[in-house]
Protein backbone atom coordinates (compact mmCIF):
# COMPACT_ATOMS: atom_id res chain seq x y z
CA MET A 1 128.99 112.88 125.48
CA GLU A 2 129.85 110.37 123.41
CA ARG A 3 133.73 109.00 123.32
CA GLY A 4 136.17 110.39 120.56
CA VAL A 5 133.39 113.21 119.29
CA ALA A 6 134.55 116.68 119.26
CA LEU A 7 133.59 119.34 121.67
CA GLY A 8 132.01 121.46 119.02
CA LYS A 9 130.51 118.53 117.49
CA ILE A 10 127.83 116.92 119.54
CA ARG A 11 124.97 115.61 118.49
CA PHE A 12 121.25 116.72 119.78
CA ASP A 13 120.19 113.82 121.67
CA PRO A 14 116.69 115.05 123.57
CA PRO A 15 116.70 111.39 125.74
CA PHE A 16 120.57 112.27 126.80
CA ILE A 17 119.54 115.62 127.45
CA LEU A 18 116.33 114.67 129.56
CA SER A 19 118.25 112.57 131.91
CA GLN A 20 120.66 114.89 132.85
CA ILE A 21 117.66 117.55 133.41
CA LEU A 22 116.36 114.42 135.61
CA VAL A 23 120.14 113.58 137.78
CA ILE A 24 120.46 117.31 138.54
CA GLN A 25 116.96 117.88 139.42
CA ALA A 26 116.98 114.61 141.50
CA SER A 27 120.24 115.75 143.21
CA TYR A 28 118.85 119.33 143.52
CA TYR A 29 115.75 118.07 145.73
CA LEU A 30 117.88 115.35 147.55
CA VAL A 31 120.26 118.10 148.97
CA LEU A 32 117.29 120.43 149.62
CA GLY A 33 115.70 117.91 151.29
CA GLY A 34 118.73 116.95 153.33
CA CYS A 35 119.23 120.56 154.80
CA LEU A 36 115.75 120.99 155.71
CA TYR A 37 115.50 117.41 157.17
CA ALA A 38 118.68 118.58 159.26
CA SER A 39 117.86 121.79 160.09
CA GLU A 40 114.69 120.19 162.06
CA THR A 41 116.14 120.71 164.99
CA PHE A 42 116.96 124.38 164.93
CA ILE A 43 113.44 125.29 163.63
CA ASN A 44 111.20 122.74 165.79
CA ARG A 45 109.05 121.74 162.90
CA VAL A 46 109.23 118.61 161.03
CA ALA A 47 110.50 119.13 157.58
CA GLY A 48 107.50 118.53 154.87
CA MET A 49 107.01 119.78 150.80
CA ASP A 50 105.47 122.99 152.56
CA LEU A 51 109.07 124.07 153.18
CA VAL A 52 110.19 123.35 149.84
CA PHE A 53 108.25 124.36 147.65
CA ASP A 54 105.86 126.98 149.84
CA THR A 55 107.66 130.23 149.10
CA GLU A 56 106.37 132.51 151.45
CA MET A 57 108.40 130.06 154.21
CA LEU A 58 111.52 131.91 152.98
CA GLY A 59 112.44 135.23 154.54
CA LEU A 60 114.87 136.98 156.52
CA HIS A 61 113.06 138.36 159.58
CA THR A 62 112.77 135.49 161.17
CA ALA A 63 114.85 132.88 162.88
CA LEU A 64 112.80 129.67 160.99
CA GLY A 65 113.15 132.41 157.36
CA VAL A 66 116.78 132.91 157.24
CA ILE A 67 117.29 129.38 158.53
CA ILE A 68 115.04 127.96 155.78
CA THR A 69 116.75 130.31 153.12
CA ALA A 70 119.58 129.29 153.98
CA CYS A 71 118.75 125.58 153.49
CA HIS A 72 117.67 126.45 149.77
CA PHE A 73 120.99 128.19 149.04
CA ILE A 74 123.17 124.95 149.97
CA PRO A 75 121.90 122.92 146.95
CA SER A 76 123.28 126.00 144.48
CA VAL A 77 126.41 125.56 145.49
CA THR A 78 126.09 121.48 145.49
CA GLY A 79 123.97 121.60 142.36
CA ALA A 80 127.36 123.34 140.71
CA LEU A 81 129.28 120.02 141.56
CA SER A 82 126.79 118.14 140.09
CA LEU A 83 126.32 120.08 137.33
CA SER A 84 130.08 120.38 136.03
CA PHE A 85 129.94 116.04 136.50
CA VAL A 86 126.75 115.69 134.92
CA VAL A 87 127.21 118.02 131.92
CA GLY A 88 130.88 118.73 131.97
CA ARG A 89 130.60 121.67 129.49
CA SER A 90 130.95 125.49 130.61
CA LYS A 91 128.67 126.74 127.31
CA GLN A 92 125.56 124.79 128.69
CA CYS A 93 125.76 125.34 132.73
CA LEU A 94 123.43 128.67 132.38
CA ASP A 95 121.02 126.37 130.41
CA TYR A 96 120.54 123.58 133.00
CA ALA A 97 120.93 125.97 135.99
CA LEU A 98 118.11 127.98 134.37
CA THR A 99 116.16 124.72 133.67
CA LEU A 100 116.30 123.27 136.84
CA TYR A 101 114.92 126.94 138.68
CA PHE A 102 112.22 127.07 136.02
CA PHE A 103 111.00 123.52 136.88
CA HIS A 104 110.90 124.64 140.59
CA LEU A 105 109.11 127.78 139.92
CA LEU A 106 106.81 125.37 138.13
CA LEU A 107 106.50 122.89 140.92
CA CYS A 108 106.27 125.69 143.40
CA THR A 109 103.03 127.40 141.73
CA ILE A 110 101.52 124.31 141.23
CA ASN A 111 102.16 123.32 145.20
CA PHE A 112 101.41 126.46 146.36
CA SER A 113 101.07 129.90 144.20
CA PHE A 114 102.84 131.88 142.40
CA PRO A 115 105.47 132.99 144.49
CA HIS A 116 105.16 137.25 145.32
CA ASN A 117 107.58 136.80 148.00
CA ALA A 118 110.65 139.18 147.23
CA VAL A 119 113.14 137.63 149.25
CA TRP A 120 112.38 134.16 146.66
CA TRP A 121 112.97 136.06 143.98
CA MET A 122 116.16 137.50 144.99
CA LEU A 123 117.24 134.20 146.50
CA LEU A 124 116.34 132.76 142.97
CA LEU A 125 119.04 134.87 141.05
CA VAL A 126 121.65 134.59 143.74
CA ASN A 127 121.01 130.93 142.94
CA ILE A 128 121.07 130.81 139.59
CA SER A 129 124.08 133.17 139.26
CA THR A 130 126.42 130.71 142.06
CA MET A 131 125.33 127.60 140.55
CA THR A 132 126.30 128.85 136.90
CA LEU A 133 129.77 130.41 137.76
CA ILE A 134 130.92 127.87 140.21
CA SER A 135 129.89 124.82 137.66
CA GLU A 136 131.20 126.80 134.57
CA TYR A 137 134.43 127.41 136.31
CA LEU A 138 135.02 123.44 137.32
CA CYS A 139 133.62 123.24 133.98
CA MET A 140 136.43 125.46 132.10
CA LYS A 141 139.03 123.69 134.61
CA LYS A 142 138.63 120.52 133.37
CA GLU A 143 138.26 121.20 129.81
CA LEU A 144 141.33 123.40 129.93
CA ARG A 145 143.47 120.40 131.23
CA GLU A 146 146.23 119.75 128.95
CA ILE A 147 145.42 117.02 127.32
CA ALA A 148 147.78 113.62 127.74
CA MET A 149 149.75 112.03 124.56
CA GLN A 150 151.02 108.85 125.44
CA ASN A 151 153.40 107.83 122.95
CA VAL A 152 153.01 109.90 120.27
CA ASP A 153 156.56 112.01 121.15
CA GLU A 154 158.31 109.50 122.46
CA PRO A 155 159.99 108.57 118.73
CA HIS A 156 160.94 112.47 118.92
CA ILE A 157 162.22 112.41 122.31
CA GLN A 158 164.12 109.13 121.92
CA GLN A 159 165.65 110.91 118.44
CA THR A 160 166.29 113.61 120.44
CA GLY A 161 167.88 112.00 123.56
CA LEU A 162 170.30 109.95 120.96
CA VAL A 163 171.10 113.17 119.19
CA GLN A 164 172.21 115.06 122.03
CA LYS A 165 173.99 112.12 123.53
CA LYS A 166 176.00 111.41 119.84
CA GLU A 167 176.78 115.11 120.06
CA ARG A 168 178.00 114.74 123.70
CA GLU A 169 180.05 111.80 122.23
CA ILE A 170 181.63 114.07 119.49
CA GLN A 171 182.40 116.99 122.24
CA ALA A 172 184.27 114.34 124.35
CA ARG A 173 186.23 112.97 121.47
CA GLU A 174 187.23 116.31 120.46
CA MET A 175 188.56 117.28 123.73
CA GLU A 176 190.24 114.26 123.91
CA MET A 177 192.22 114.87 120.62
CA LYS A 178 192.86 118.10 121.78
CA ILE A 179 194.40 116.74 125.34
CA GLU A 180 196.55 114.65 123.29
CA ILE A 181 197.56 117.40 120.77
CA LYS A 182 198.68 119.22 123.51
């Protein structure tokens, strides 16, 4: 996002959008690969491309399937953080999450086959929902922060302070006059 451009007036910049998509994809696969690599000891198997793109590996009936399914869920949470950092707009979070998982679907289809596993599709919906909701929350929190205005109100505050100081001085003089009169 350019500096000084209002939120509603962002211009269309395809190279910038593509770079955002690439950063989000890379962070997603980096975390997924890290999770699968860390889980190698539990699954007694070397993490490879099949664990990333073979949709038949996911499941809830075996320990291997559950661990791989959990490894595929974790990047949706961490991806929400990268999405809120890279995109920064709550209105665009769903678009980028759908784009991420659309490309994942494409890569799964190219590397193995079109997914027929119901667990994969349910996980896909859960991941998209998780990533979108968390990233939108983080972006909204950032968007709704109070904007710090430096030195804009300072003259007003100084004037207000001076007026209050003068009023106190006048009240003090009036009190002194009343005491002297009595």
